[in-house]
Amino acid sequence: SEKEDKSLVQSGSIPQSWRCLLYPS
């Protein structure tokens, strides 16, 4: 699941603005 999430973010399938929700500091 984590690998799929990261690949979706890297491929641009998930908007950049959602990245903070998936990977909070």
PDBML (XML) file of the C-alpha atoms, coordinates in Angstrom:
<?xml version="1.0" encoding="UTF-8" ?>
<PDBx:datablock datablockName="MODEL"
   xmlns:PDBx="http://pdbml.pdb.org/schema/pdbx-v50.xsd"
   xmlns:xsi="http://www.w3.org/2001/XMLSchema-instance"
   xsi:schemaLocation="http://pdbml.pdb.org/schema/pdbx-v50.xsd pdbx-v50.xsd">
   <PDBx:atom_siteCategory>
      <PDBx:atom_site id="1">
         <PDBx:B_iso_or_equiv>0.00</PDBx:B_iso_or_equiv>
         <PDBx:Cartn_x>0.000</PDBx:Cartn_x>
         <PDBx:Cartn_y>0.000</PDBx:Cartn_y>
         <PDBx:Cartn_z>0.000</PDBx:Cartn_z>
         <PDBx:auth_asym_id>A</PDBx:auth_asym_id>
         <PDBx:auth_atom_id>CA</PDBx:auth_atom_id>
         <PDBx:auth_comp_id>SER</PDBx:auth_comp_id>
         <PDBx:auth_seq_id>1</PDBx:auth_seq_id>
         <PDBx:group_PDB>ATOM</PDBx:group_PDB>
         <PDBx:label_alt_id xsi:nil="true" />
         <PDBx:label_asym_id>A</PDBx:label_asym_id>
         <PDBx:label_atom_id>CA</PDBx:label_atom_id>
         <PDBx:label_comp_id>SER</PDBx:label_comp_id>
         <PDBx:label_entity_id>1</PDBx:label_entity_id>
         <PDBx:label_seq_id>1</PDBx:label_seq_id>
         <PDBx:occupancy>1.00</PDBx:occupancy>
         <PDBx:pdbx_PDB_model_num>1</PDBx:pdbx_PDB_model_num>
         <PDBx:type_symbol>C</PDBx:type_symbol>
      </PDBx:atom_site>
      <PDBx:atom_site id="2">
         <PDBx:B_iso_or_equiv>0.00</PDBx:B_iso_or_equiv>
         <PDBx:Cartn_x>2.786</PDBx:Cartn_x>
         <PDBx:Cartn_y>2.450</PDBx:Cartn_y>
         <PDBx:Cartn_z>0.870</PDBx:Cartn_z>
         <PDBx:auth_asym_id>A</PDBx:auth_asym_id>
         <PDBx:auth_atom_id>CA</PDBx:auth_atom_id>
         <PDBx:auth_comp_id>GLU</PDBx:auth_comp_id>
         <PDBx:auth_seq_id>2</PDBx:auth_seq_id>
         <PDBx:group_PDB>ATOM</PDBx:group_PDB>
         <PDBx:label_alt_id xsi:nil="true" />
         <PDBx:label_asym_id>A</PDBx:label_asym_id>
         <PDBx:label_atom_id>CA</PDBx:label_atom_id>
         <PDBx:label_comp_id>GLU</PDBx:label_comp_id>
         <PDBx:label_entity_id>1</PDBx:label_entity_id>
         <PDBx:label_seq_id>2</PDBx:label_seq_id>
         <PDBx:occupancy>1.00</PDBx:occupancy>
         <PDBx:pdbx_PDB_model_num>1</PDBx:pdbx_PDB_model_num>
         <PDBx:type_symbol>C</PDBx:type_symbol>
      </PDBx:atom_site>
      <PDBx:atom_site id="3">
         <PDBx:B_iso_or_equiv>0.00</PDBx:B_iso_or_equiv>
         <PDBx:Cartn_x>4.602</PDBx:Cartn_x>
         <PDBx:Cartn_y>1.662</PDBx:Cartn_y>
         <PDBx:Cartn_z>-2.381</PDBx:Cartn_z>
         <PDBx:auth_asym_id>A</PDBx:auth_asym_id>
         <PDBx:auth_atom_id>CA</PDBx:auth_atom_id>
         <PDBx:auth_comp_id>LYS</PDBx:auth_comp_id>
         <PDBx:auth_seq_id>3</PDBx:auth_seq_id>
         <PDBx:group_PDB>ATOM</PDBx:group_PDB>
         <PDBx:label_alt_id xsi:nil="true" />
         <PDBx:label_asym_id>A</PDBx:label_asym_id>
         <PDBx:label_atom_id>CA</PDBx:label_atom_id>
         <PDBx:label_comp_id>LYS</PDBx:label_comp_id>
         <PDBx:label_entity_id>1</PDBx:label_entity_id>
         <PDBx:label_seq_id>3</PDBx:label_seq_id>
         <PDBx:occupancy>1.00</PDBx:occupancy>
         <PDBx:pdbx_PDB_model_num>1</PDBx:pdbx_PDB_model_num>
         <PDBx:type_symbol>C</PDBx:type_symbol>
      </PDBx:atom_site>
      <PDBx:atom_site id="4">
         <PDBx:B_iso_or_equiv>0.00</PDBx:B_iso_or_equiv>
         <PDBx:Cartn_x>1.401</PDBx:Cartn_x>
         <PDBx:Cartn_y>2.180</PDBx:Cartn_y>
         <PDBx:Cartn_z>-4.359</PDBx:Cartn_z>
         <PDBx:auth_asym_id>A</PDBx:auth_asym_id>
         <PDBx:auth_atom_id>CA</PDBx:auth_atom_id>
         <PDBx:auth_comp_id>GLU</PDBx:auth_comp_id>
         <PDBx:auth_seq_id>4</PDBx:auth_seq_id>
         <PDBx:group_PDB>ATOM</PDBx:group_PDB>
         <PDBx:label_alt_id xsi:nil="true" />
         <PDBx:label_asym_id>A</PDBx:label_asym_id>
         <PDBx:label_atom_id>CA</PDBx:label_atom_id>
         <PDBx:label_comp_id>GLU</PDBx:label_comp_id>
         <PDBx:label_entity_id>1</PDBx:label_entity_id>
         <PDBx:label_seq_id>4</PDBx:label_seq_id>
         <PDBx:occupancy>1.00</PDBx:occupancy>
         <PDBx:pdbx_PDB_model_num>1</PDBx:pdbx_PDB_model_num>
         <PDBx:type_symbol>C</PDBx:type_symbol>
      </PDBx:atom_site>
      <PDBx:atom_site id="5">
         <PDBx:B_iso_or_equiv>0.00</PDBx:B_iso_or_equiv>
         <PDBx:Cartn_x>0.752</PDBx:Cartn_x>
         <PDBx:Cartn_y>5.507</PDBx:Cartn_y>
         <PDBx:Cartn_z>-2.592</PDBx:Cartn_z>
         <PDBx:auth_asym_id>A</PDBx:auth_asym_id>
         <PDBx:auth_atom_id>CA</PDBx:auth_atom_id>
         <PDBx:auth_comp_id>ASP</PDBx:auth_comp_id>
         <PDBx:auth_seq_id>5</PDBx:auth_seq_id>
         <PDBx:group_PDB>ATOM</PDBx:group_PDB>
         <PDBx:label_alt_id xsi:nil="true" />
         <PDBx:label_asym_id>A</PDBx:label_asym_id>
         <PDBx:label_atom_id>CA</PDBx:label_atom_id>
         <PDBx:label_comp_id>ASP</PDBx:label_comp_id>
         <PDBx:label_entity_id>1</PDBx:label_entity_id>
         <PDBx:label_seq_id>5</PDBx:label_seq_id>
         <PDBx:occupancy>1.00</PDBx:occupancy>
         <PDBx:pdbx_PDB_model_num>1</PDBx:pdbx_PDB_model_num>
         <PDBx:type_symbol>C</PDBx:type_symbol>
      </PDBx:atom_site>
      <PDBx:atom_site id="6">
         <PDBx:B_iso_or_equiv>0.00</PDBx:B_iso_or_equiv>
         <PDBx:Cartn_x>4.262</PDBx:Cartn_x>
         <PDBx:Cartn_y>6.744</PDBx:Cartn_y>
         <PDBx:Cartn_z>-3.361</PDBx:Cartn_z>
         <PDBx:auth_asym_id>A</PDBx:auth_asym_id>
         <PDBx:auth_atom_id>CA</PDBx:auth_atom_id>
         <PDBx:auth_comp_id>LYS</PDBx:auth_comp_id>
         <PDBx:auth_seq_id>6</PDBx:auth_seq_id>
         <PDBx:group_PDB>ATOM</PDBx:group_PDB>
         <PDBx:label_alt_id xsi:nil="true" />
         <PDBx:label_asym_id>A</PDBx:label_asym_id>
         <PDBx:label_atom_id>CA</PDBx:label_atom_id>
         <PDBx:label_comp_id>LYS</PDBx:label_comp_id>
         <PDBx:label_entity_id>1</PDBx:label_entity_id>
         <PDBx:label_seq_id>6</PDBx:label_seq_id>
         <PDBx:occupancy>1.00</PDBx:occupancy>
         <PDBx:pdbx_PDB_model_num>1</PDBx:pdbx_PDB_model_num>
         <PDBx:type_symbol>C</PDBx:type_symbol>
      </PDBx:atom_site>
      <PDBx:atom_site id="7">
         <PDBx:B_iso_or_equiv>0.00</PDBx:B_iso_or_equiv>
         <PDBx:Cartn_x>4.078</PDBx:Cartn_x>
         <PDBx:Cartn_y>5.627</PDBx:Cartn_y>
         <PDBx:Cartn_z>-6.970</PDBx:Cartn_z>
         <PDBx:auth_asym_id>A</PDBx:auth_asym_id>
         <PDBx:auth_atom_id>CA</PDBx:auth_atom_id>
         <PDBx:auth_comp_id>SER</PDBx:auth_comp_id>
         <PDBx:auth_seq_id>7</PDBx:auth_seq_id>
         <PDBx:group_PDB>ATOM</PDBx:group_PDB>
         <PDBx:label_alt_id xsi:nil="true" />
         <PDBx:label_asym_id>A</PDBx:label_asym_id>
         <PDBx:label_atom_id>CA</PDBx:label_atom_id>
         <PDBx:label_comp_id>SER</PDBx:label_comp_id>
         <PDBx:label_entity_id>1</PDBx:label_entity_id>
         <PDBx:label_seq_id>7</PDBx:label_seq_id>
         <PDBx:occupancy>1.00</PDBx:occupancy>
         <PDBx:pdbx_PDB_model_num>1</PDBx:pdbx_PDB_model_num>
         <PDBx:type_symbol>C</PDBx:type_symbol>
      </PDBx:atom_site>
      <PDBx:atom_site id="8">
         <PDBx:B_iso_or_equiv>0.00</PDBx:B_iso_or_equiv>
         <PDBx:Cartn_x>0.731</PDBx:Cartn_x>
         <PDBx:Cartn_y>7.406</PDBx:Cartn_y>
         <PDBx:Cartn_z>-7.407</PDBx:Cartn_z>
         <PDBx:auth_asym_id>A</PDBx:auth_asym_id>
         <PDBx:auth_atom_id>CA</PDBx:auth_atom_id>
         <PDBx:auth_comp_id>LEU</PDBx:auth_comp_id>
         <PDBx:auth_seq_id>8</PDBx:auth_seq_id>
         <PDBx:group_PDB>ATOM</PDBx:group_PDB>
         <PDBx:label_alt_id xsi:nil="true" />
         <PDBx:label_asym_id>A</PDBx:label_asym_id>
         <PDBx:label_atom_id>CA</PDBx:label_atom_id>
         <PDBx:label_comp_id>LEU</PDBx:label_comp_id>
         <PDBx:label_entity_id>1</PDBx:label_entity_id>
         <PDBx:label_seq_id>8</PDBx:label_seq_id>
         <PDBx:occupancy>1.00</PDBx:occupancy>
         <PDBx:pdbx_PDB_model_num>1</PDBx:pdbx_PDB_model_num>
         <PDBx:type_symbol>C</PDBx:type_symbol>
      </PDBx:atom_site>
      <PDBx:atom_site id="9">
         <PDBx:B_iso_or_equiv>0.00</PDBx:B_iso_or_equiv>
         <PDBx:Cartn_x>2.187</PDBx:Cartn_x>
         <PDBx:Cartn_y>10.629</PDBx:Cartn_y>
         <PDBx:Cartn_z>-6.013</PDBx:Cartn_z>
         <PDBx:auth_asym_id>A</PDBx:auth_asym_id>
         <PDBx:auth_atom_id>CA</PDBx:auth_atom_id>
         <PDBx:auth_comp_id>VAL</PDBx:auth_comp_id>
         <PDBx:auth_seq_id>9</PDBx:auth_seq_id>
         <PDBx:group_PDB>ATOM</PDBx:group_PDB>
         <PDBx:label_alt_id xsi:nil="true" />
         <PDBx:label_asym_id>A</PDBx:label_asym_id>
         <PDBx:label_atom_id>CA</PDBx:label_atom_id>
         <PDBx:label_comp_id>VAL</PDBx:label_comp_id>
         <PDBx:label_entity_id>1</PDBx:label_entity_id>
         <PDBx:label_seq_id>9</PDBx:label_seq_id>
         <PDBx:occupancy>1.00</PDBx:occupancy>
         <PDBx:pdbx_PDB_model_num>1</PDBx:pdbx_PDB_model_num>
         <PDBx:type_symbol>C</PDBx:type_symbol>
      </PDBx:atom_site>
      <PDBx:atom_site id="10">
         <PDBx:B_iso_or_equiv>0.00</PDBx:B_iso_or_equiv>
         <PDBx:Cartn_x>5.295</PDBx:Cartn_x>
         <PDBx:Cartn_y>10.346</PDBx:Cartn_y>
         <PDBx:Cartn_z>-8.156</PDBx:Cartn_z>
         <PDBx:auth_asym_id>A</PDBx:auth_asym_id>
         <PDBx:auth_atom_id>CA</PDBx:auth_atom_id>
         <PDBx:auth_comp_id>GLN</PDBx:auth_comp_id>
         <PDBx:auth_seq_id>10</PDBx:auth_seq_id>
         <PDBx:group_PDB>ATOM</PDBx:group_PDB>
         <PDBx:label_alt_id xsi:nil="true" />
         <PDBx:label_asym_id>A</PDBx:label_asym_id>
         <PDBx:label_atom_id>CA</PDBx:label_atom_id>
         <PDBx:label_comp_id>GLN</PDBx:label_comp_id>
         <PDBx:label_entity_id>1</PDBx:label_entity_id>
         <PDBx:label_seq_id>10</PDBx:label_seq_id>
         <PDBx:occupancy>1.00</PDBx:occupancy>
         <PDBx:pdbx_PDB_model_num>1</PDBx:pdbx_PDB_model_num>
         <PDBx:type_symbol>C</PDBx:type_symbol>
      </PDBx:atom_site>
      <PDBx:atom_site id="11">
         <PDBx:B_iso_or_equiv>0.00</PDBx:B_iso_or_equiv>
         <PDBx:Cartn_x>3.315</PDBx:Cartn_x>
         <PDBx:Cartn_y>9.558</PDBx:Cartn_y>
         <PDBx:Cartn_z>-11.288</PDBx:Cartn_z>
         <PDBx:auth_asym_id>A</PDBx:auth_asym_id>
         <PDBx:auth_atom_id>CA</PDBx:auth_atom_id>
         <PDBx:auth_comp_id>SER</PDBx:auth_comp_id>
         <PDBx:auth_seq_id>11</PDBx:auth_seq_id>
         <PDBx:group_PDB>ATOM</PDBx:group_PDB>
         <PDBx:label_alt_id xsi:nil="true" />
         <PDBx:label_asym_id>A</PDBx:label_asym_id>
         <PDBx:label_atom_id>CA</PDBx:label_atom_id>
         <PDBx:label_comp_id>SER</PDBx:label_comp_id>
         <PDBx:label_entity_id>1</PDBx:label_entity_id>
         <PDBx:label_seq_id>11</PDBx:label_seq_id>
         <PDBx:occupancy>1.00</PDBx:occupancy>
         <PDBx:pdbx_PDB_model_num>1</PDBx:pdbx_PDB_model_num>
         <PDBx:type_symbol>C</PDBx:type_symbol>
      </PDBx:atom_site>
      <PDBx:atom_site id="12">
         <PDBx:B_iso_or_equiv>0.00</PDBx:B_iso_or_equiv>
         <PDBx:Cartn_x>1.108</PDBx:Cartn_x>
         <PDBx:Cartn_y>12.594</PDBx:Cartn_y>
         <PDBx:Cartn_z>-10.752</PDBx:Cartn_z>
         <PDBx:auth_asym_id>A</PDBx:auth_asym_id>
         <PDBx:auth_atom_id>CA</PDBx:auth_atom_id>
         <PDBx:auth_comp_id>GLY</PDBx:auth_comp_id>
         <PDBx:auth_seq_id>12</PDBx:auth_seq_id>
         <PDBx:group_PDB>ATOM</PDBx:group_PDB>
         <PDBx:label_alt_id xsi:nil="true" />
         <PDBx:label_asym_id>A</PDBx:label_asym_id>
         <PDBx:label_atom_id>CA</PDBx:label_atom_id>
         <PDBx:label_comp_id>GLY</PDBx:label_comp_id>
         <PDBx:label_entity_id>1</PDBx:label_entity_id>
         <PDBx:label_seq_id>12</PDBx:label_seq_id>
         <PDBx:occupancy>1.00</PDBx:occupancy>
         <PDBx:pdbx_PDB_model_num>1</PDBx:pdbx_PDB_model_num>
         <PDBx:type_symbol>C</PDBx:type_symbol>
      </PDBx:atom_site>
      <PDBx:atom_site id="13">
         <PDBx:B_iso_or_equiv>0.00</PDBx:B_iso_or_equiv>
         <PDBx:Cartn_x>-2.106</PDBx:Cartn_x>
         <PDBx:Cartn_y>10.612</PDBx:Cartn_y>
         <PDBx:Cartn_z>-10.217</PDBx:Cartn_z>
         <PDBx:auth_asym_id>A</PDBx:auth_asym_id>
         <PDBx:auth_atom_id>CA</PDBx:auth_atom_id>
         <PDBx:auth_comp_id>SER</PDBx:auth_comp_id>
         <PDBx:auth_seq_id>13</PDBx:auth_seq_id>
         <PDBx:group_PDB>ATOM</PDBx:group_PDB>
         <PDBx:label_alt_id xsi:nil="true" />
         <PDBx:label_asym_id>A</PDBx:label_asym_id>
         <PDBx:label_atom_id>CA</PDBx:label_atom_id>
         <PDBx:label_comp_id>SER</PDBx:label_comp_id>
         <PDBx:label_entity_id>1</PDBx:label_entity_id>
         <PDBx:label_seq_id>13</PDBx:label_seq_id>
         <PDBx:occupancy>1.00</PDBx:occupancy>
         <PDBx:pdbx_PDB_model_num>1</PDBx:pdbx_PDB_model_num>
         <PDBx:type_symbol>C</PDBx:type_symbol>
      </PDBx:atom_site>
      <PDBx:atom_site id="14">
         <PDBx:B_iso_or_equiv>0.00</PDBx:B_iso_or_equiv>
         <PDBx:Cartn_x>-2.541</PDBx:Cartn_x>
         <PDBx:Cartn_y>12.229</PDBx:Cartn_y>
         <PDBx:Cartn_z>-6.806</PDBx:Cartn_z>
         <PDBx:auth_asym_id>A</PDBx:auth_asym_id>
         <PDBx:auth_atom_id>CA</PDBx:auth_atom_id>
         <PDBx:auth_comp_id>ILE</PDBx:auth_comp_id>
         <PDBx:auth_seq_id>14</PDBx:auth_seq_id>
         <PDBx:group_PDB>ATOM</PDBx:group_PDB>
         <PDBx:label_alt_id xsi:nil="true" />
         <PDBx:label_asym_id>A</PDBx:label_asym_id>
         <PDBx:label_atom_id>CA</PDBx:label_atom_id>
         <PDBx:label_comp_id>ILE</PDBx:label_comp_id>
         <PDBx:label_entity_id>1</PDBx:label_entity_id>
         <PDBx:label_seq_id>14</PDBx:label_seq_id>
         <PDBx:occupancy>1.00</PDBx:occupancy>
         <PDBx:pdbx_PDB_model_num>1</PDBx:pdbx_PDB_model_num>
         <PDBx:type_symbol>C</PDBx:type_symbol>
      </PDBx:atom_site>
      <PDBx:atom_site id="15">
         <PDBx:B_iso_or_equiv>0.00</PDBx:B_iso_or_equiv>
         <PDBx:Cartn_x>-2.549</PDBx:Cartn_x>
         <PDBx:Cartn_y>16.029</PDBx:Cartn_y>
         <PDBx:Cartn_z>-6.652</PDBx:Cartn_z>
         <PDBx:auth_asym_id>A</PDBx:auth_asym_id>
         <PDBx:auth_atom_id>CA</PDBx:auth_atom_id>
         <PDBx:auth_comp_id>PRO</PDBx:auth_comp_id>
         <PDBx:auth_seq_id>15</PDBx:auth_seq_id>
         <PDBx:group_PDB>ATOM</PDBx:group_PDB>
         <PDBx:label_alt_id xsi:nil="true" />
         <PDBx:label_asym_id>A</PDBx:label_asym_id>
         <PDBx:label_atom_id>CA</PDBx:label_atom_id>
         <PDBx:label_comp_id>PRO</PDBx:label_comp_id>
         <PDBx:label_entity_id>1</PDBx:label_entity_id>
         <PDBx:label_seq_id>15</PDBx:label_seq_id>
         <PDBx:occupancy>1.00</PDBx:occupancy>
         <PDBx:pdbx_PDB_model_num>1</PDBx:pdbx_PDB_model_num>
         <PDBx:type_symbol>C</PDBx:type_symbol>
      </PDBx:atom_site>
      <PDBx:atom_site id="16">
         <PDBx:B_iso_or_equiv>0.00</PDBx:B_iso_or_equiv>
         <PDBx:Cartn_x>0.518</PDBx:Cartn_x>
         <PDBx:Cartn_y>17.563</PDBx:Cartn_y>
         <PDBx:Cartn_z>-5.032</PDBx:Cartn_z>
         <PDBx:auth_asym_id>A</PDBx:auth_asym_id>
         <PDBx:auth_atom_id>CA</PDBx:auth_atom_id>
         <PDBx:auth_comp_id>GLN</PDBx:auth_comp_id>
         <PDBx:auth_seq_id>16</PDBx:auth_seq_id>
         <PDBx:group_PDB>ATOM</PDBx:group_PDB>
         <PDBx:label_alt_id xsi:nil="true" />
         <PDBx:label_asym_id>A</PDBx:label_asym_id>
         <PDBx:label_atom_id>CA</PDBx:label_atom_id>
         <PDBx:label_comp_id>GLN</PDBx:label_comp_id>
         <PDBx:label_entity_id>1</PDBx:label_entity_id>
         <PDBx:label_seq_id>16</PDBx:label_seq_id>
         <PDBx:occupancy>1.00</PDBx:occupancy>
         <PDBx:pdbx_PDB_model_num>1</PDBx:pdbx_PDB_model_num>
         <PDBx:type_symbol>C</PDBx:type_symbol>
      </PDBx:atom_site>
      <PDBx:atom_site id="17">
         <PDBx:B_iso_or_equiv>0.00</PDBx:B_iso_or_equiv>
         <PDBx:Cartn_x>-1.711</PDBx:Cartn_x>
         <PDBx:Cartn_y>19.361</PDBx:Cartn_y>
         <PDBx:Cartn_z>-2.505</PDBx:Cartn_z>
         <PDBx:auth_asym_id>A</PDBx:auth_asym_id>
         <PDBx:auth_atom_id>CA</PDBx:auth_atom_id>
         <PDBx:auth_comp_id>SER</PDBx:auth_comp_id>
         <PDBx:auth_seq_id>17</PDBx:auth_seq_id>
         <PDBx:group_PDB>ATOM</PDBx:group_PDB>
         <PDBx:label_alt_id xsi:nil="true" />
         <PDBx:label_asym_id>A</PDBx:label_asym_id>
         <PDBx:label_atom_id>CA</PDBx:label_atom_id>
         <PDBx:label_comp_id>SER</PDBx:label_comp_id>
         <PDBx:label_entity_id>1</PDBx:label_entity_id>
         <PDBx:label_seq_id>17</PDBx:label_seq_id>
         <PDBx:occupancy>1.00</PDBx:occupancy>
         <PDBx:pdbx_PDB_model_num>1</PDBx:pdbx_PDB_model_num>
         <PDBx:type_symbol>C</PDBx:type_symbol>
      </PDBx:atom_site>
      <PDBx:atom_site id="18">
         <PDBx:B_iso_or_equiv>0.00</PDBx:B_iso_or_equiv>
         <PDBx:Cartn_x>-2.784</PDBx:Cartn_x>
         <PDBx:Cartn_y>15.973</PDBx:Cartn_y>
         <PDBx:Cartn_z>-1.089</PDBx:Cartn_z>
         <PDBx:auth_asym_id>A</PDBx:auth_asym_id>
         <PDBx:auth_atom_id>CA</PDBx:auth_atom_id>
         <PDBx:auth_comp_id>TRP</PDBx:auth_comp_id>
         <PDBx:auth_seq_id>18</PDBx:auth_seq_id>
         <PDBx:group_PDB>ATOM</PDBx:group_PDB>
         <PDBx:label_alt_id xsi:nil="true" />
         <PDBx:label_asym_id>A</PDBx:label_asym_id>
         <PDBx:label_atom_id>CA</PDBx:label_atom_id>
         <PDBx:label_comp_id>TRP</PDBx:label_comp_id>
         <PDBx:label_entity_id>1</PDBx:label_entity_id>
         <PDBx:label_seq_id>18</PDBx:label_seq_id>
         <PDBx:occupancy>1.00</PDBx:occupancy>
         <PDBx:pdbx_PDB_model_num>1</PDBx:pdbx_PDB_model_num>
         <PDBx:type_symbol>C</PDBx:type_symbol>
      </PDBx:atom_site>
      <PDBx:atom_site id="19">
         <PDBx:B_iso_or_equiv>0.00</PDBx:B_iso_or_equiv>
         <PDBx:Cartn_x>0.790</PDBx:Cartn_x>
         <PDBx:Cartn_y>14.961</PDBx:Cartn_y>
         <PDBx:Cartn_z>-0.405</PDBx:Cartn_z>
         <PDBx:auth_asym_id>A</PDBx:auth_asym_id>
         <PDBx:auth_atom_id>CA</PDBx:auth_atom_id>
         <PDBx:auth_comp_id>ARG</PDBx:auth_comp_id>
         <PDBx:auth_seq_id>19</PDBx:auth_seq_id>
         <PDBx:group_PDB>ATOM</PDBx:group_PDB>
         <PDBx:label_alt_id xsi:nil="true" />
         <PDBx:label_asym_id>A</PDBx:label_asym_id>
         <PDBx:label_atom_id>CA</PDBx:label_atom_id>
         <PDBx:label_comp_id>ARG</PDBx:label_comp_id>
         <PDBx:label_entity_id>1</PDBx:label_entity_id>
         <PDBx:label_seq_id>19</PDBx:label_seq_id>
         <PDBx:occupancy>1.00</PDBx:occupancy>
         <PDBx:pdbx_PDB_model_num>1</PDBx:pdbx_PDB_model_num>
         <PDBx:type_symbol>C</PDBx:type_symbol>
      </PDBx:atom_site>
      <PDBx:atom_site id="20">
         <PDBx:B_iso_or_equiv>0.00</PDBx:B_iso_or_equiv>
         <PDBx:Cartn_x>0.760</PDBx:Cartn_x>
         <PDBx:Cartn_y>16.634</PDBx:Cartn_y>
         <PDBx:Cartn_z>3.041</PDBx:Cartn_z>
         <PDBx:auth_asym_id>A</PDBx:auth_asym_id>
         <PDBx:auth_atom_id>CA</PDBx:auth_atom_id>
         <PDBx:auth_comp_id>CYS</PDBx:auth_comp_id>
         <PDBx:auth_seq_id>20</PDBx:auth_seq_id>
         <PDBx:group_PDB>ATOM</PDBx:group_PDB>
         <PDBx:label_alt_id xsi:nil="true" />
         <PDBx:label_asym_id>A</PDBx:label_asym_id>
         <PDBx:label_atom_id>CA</PDBx:label_atom_id>
         <PDBx:label_comp_id>CYS</PDBx:label_comp_id>
         <PDBx:label_entity_id>1</PDBx:label_entity_id>
         <PDBx:label_seq_id>20</PDBx:label_seq_id>
         <PDBx:occupancy>1.00</PDBx:occupancy>
         <PDBx:pdbx_PDB_model_num>1</PDBx:pdbx_PDB_model_num>
         <PDBx:type_symbol>C</PDBx:type_symbol>
      </PDBx:atom_site>
      <PDBx:atom_site id="21">
         <PDBx:B_iso_or_equiv>0.00</PDBx:B_iso_or_equiv>
         <PDBx:Cartn_x>-2.249</PDBx:Cartn_x>
         <PDBx:Cartn_y>14.477</PDBx:Cartn_y>
         <PDBx:Cartn_z>3.964</PDBx:Cartn_z>
         <PDBx:auth_asym_id>A</PDBx:auth_asym_id>
         <PDBx:auth_atom_id>CA</PDBx:auth_atom_id>
         <PDBx:auth_comp_id>LEU</PDBx:auth_comp_id>
         <PDBx:auth_seq_id>21</PDBx:auth_seq_id>
         <PDBx:group_PDB>ATOM</PDBx:group_PDB>
         <PDBx:label_alt_id xsi:nil="true" />
         <PDBx:label_asym_id>A</PDBx:label_asym_id>
         <PDBx:label_atom_id>CA</PDBx:label_atom_id>
         <PDBx:label_comp_id>LEU</PDBx:label_comp_id>
         <PDBx:label_entity_id>1</PDBx:label_entity_id>
         <PDBx:label_seq_id>21</PDBx:label_seq_id>
         <PDBx:occupancy>1.00</PDBx:occupancy>
         <PDBx:pdbx_PDB_model_num>1</PDBx:pdbx_PDB_model_num>
         <PDBx:type_symbol>C</PDBx:type_symbol>
      </PDBx:atom_site>
      <PDBx:atom_site id="22">
         <PDBx:B_iso_or_equiv>0.00</PDBx:B_iso_or_equiv>
         <PDBx:Cartn_x>-0.554</PDBx:Cartn_x>
         <PDBx:Cartn_y>11.250</PDBx:Cartn_y>
         <PDBx:Cartn_z>2.914</PDBx:Cartn_z>
         <PDBx:auth_asym_id>A</PDBx:auth_asym_id>
         <PDBx:auth_atom_id>CA</PDBx:auth_atom_id>
         <PDBx:auth_comp_id>LEU</PDBx:auth_comp_id>
         <PDBx:auth_seq_id>22</PDBx:auth_seq_id>
         <PDBx:group_PDB>ATOM</PDBx:group_PDB>
         <PDBx:label_alt_id xsi:nil="true" />
         <PDBx:label_asym_id>A</PDBx:label_asym_id>
         <PDBx:label_atom_id>CA</PDBx:label_atom_id>
         <PDBx:label_comp_id>LEU</PDBx:label_comp_id>
         <PDBx:label_entity_id>1</PDBx:label_entity_id>
         <PDBx:label_seq_id>22</PDBx:label_seq_id>
         <PDBx:occupancy>1.00</PDBx:occupancy>
         <PDBx:pdbx_PDB_model_num>1</PDBx:pdbx_PDB_model_num>
         <PDBx:type_symbol>C</PDBx:type_symbol>
      </PDBx:atom_site>
      <PDBx:atom_site id="23">
         <PDBx:B_iso_or_equiv>0.00</PDBx:B_iso_or_equiv>
         <PDBx:Cartn_x>2.864</PDBx:Cartn_x>
         <PDBx:Cartn_y>12.100</PDBx:Cartn_y>
         <PDBx:Cartn_z>4.366</PDBx:Cartn_z>
         <PDBx:auth_asym_id>A</PDBx:auth_asym_id>
         <PDBx:auth_atom_id>CA</PDBx:auth_atom_id>
         <PDBx:auth_comp_id>TYR</PDBx:auth_comp_id>
         <PDBx:auth_seq_id>23</PDBx:auth_seq_id>
         <PDBx:group_PDB>ATOM</PDBx:group_PDB>
         <PDBx:label_alt_id xsi:nil="true" />
         <PDBx:label_asym_id>A</PDBx:label_asym_id>
         <PDBx:label_atom_id>CA</PDBx:label_atom_id>
         <PDBx:label_comp_id>TYR</PDBx:label_comp_id>
         <PDBx:label_entity_id>1</PDBx:label_entity_id>
         <PDBx:label_seq_id>23</PDBx:label_seq_id>
         <PDBx:occupancy>1.00</PDBx:occupancy>
         <PDBx:pdbx_PDB_model_num>1</PDBx:pdbx_PDB_model_num>
         <PDBx:type_symbol>C</PDBx:type_symbol>
      </PDBx:atom_site>
      <PDBx:atom_site id="24">
         <PDBx:B_iso_or_equiv>0.00</PDBx:B_iso_or_equiv>
         <PDBx:Cartn_x>2.477</PDBx:Cartn_x>
         <PDBx:Cartn_y>14.565</PDBx:Cartn_y>
         <PDBx:Cartn_z>7.259</PDBx:Cartn_z>
         <PDBx:auth_asym_id>A</PDBx:auth_asym_id>
         <PDBx:auth_atom_id>CA</PDBx:auth_atom_id>
         <PDBx:auth_comp_id>PRO</PDBx:auth_comp_id>
         <PDBx:auth_seq_id>24</PDBx:auth_seq_id>
         <PDBx:group_PDB>ATOM</PDBx:group_PDB>
         <PDBx:label_alt_id xsi:nil="true" />
         <PDBx:label_asym_id>A</PDBx:label_asym_id>
         <PDBx:label_atom_id>CA</PDBx:label_atom_id>
         <PDBx:label_comp_id>PRO</PDBx:label_comp_id>
         <PDBx:label_entity_id>1</PDBx:label_entity_id>
         <PDBx:label_seq_id>24</PDBx:label_seq_id>
         <PDBx:occupancy>1.00</PDBx:occupancy>
         <PDBx:pdbx_PDB_model_num>1</PDBx:pdbx_PDB_model_num>
         <PDBx:type_symbol>C</PDBx:type_symbol>
      </PDBx:atom_site>
      <PDBx:atom_site id="25">
         <PDBx:B_iso_or_equiv>0.00</PDBx:B_iso_or_equiv>
         <PDBx:Cartn_x>5.585</PDBx:Cartn_x>
         <PDBx:Cartn_y>16.026</PDBx:Cartn_y>
         <PDBx:Cartn_z>8.868</PDBx:Cartn_z>
         <PDBx:auth_asym_id>A</PDBx:auth_asym_id>
         <PDBx:auth_atom_id>CA</PDBx:auth_atom_id>
         <PDBx:auth_comp_id>SER</PDBx:auth_comp_id>
         <PDBx:auth_seq_id>25</PDBx:auth_seq_id>
         <PDBx:group_PDB>ATOM</PDBx:group_PDB>
         <PDBx:label_alt_id xsi:nil="true" />
         <PDBx:label_asym_id>A</PDBx:label_asym_id>
         <PDBx:label_atom_id>CA</PDBx:label_atom_id>
         <PDBx:label_comp_id>SER</PDBx:label_comp_id>
         <PDBx:label_entity_id>1</PDBx:label_entity_id>
         <PDBx:label_seq_id>25</PDBx:label_seq_id>
         <PDBx:occupancy>1.00</PDBx:occupancy>
         <PDBx:pdbx_PDB_model_num>1</PDBx:pdbx_PDB_model_num>
         <PDBx:type_symbol>C</PDBx:type_symbol>
      </PDBx:atom_site>
   </PDBx:atom_siteCategory>
</PDBx:datablock>
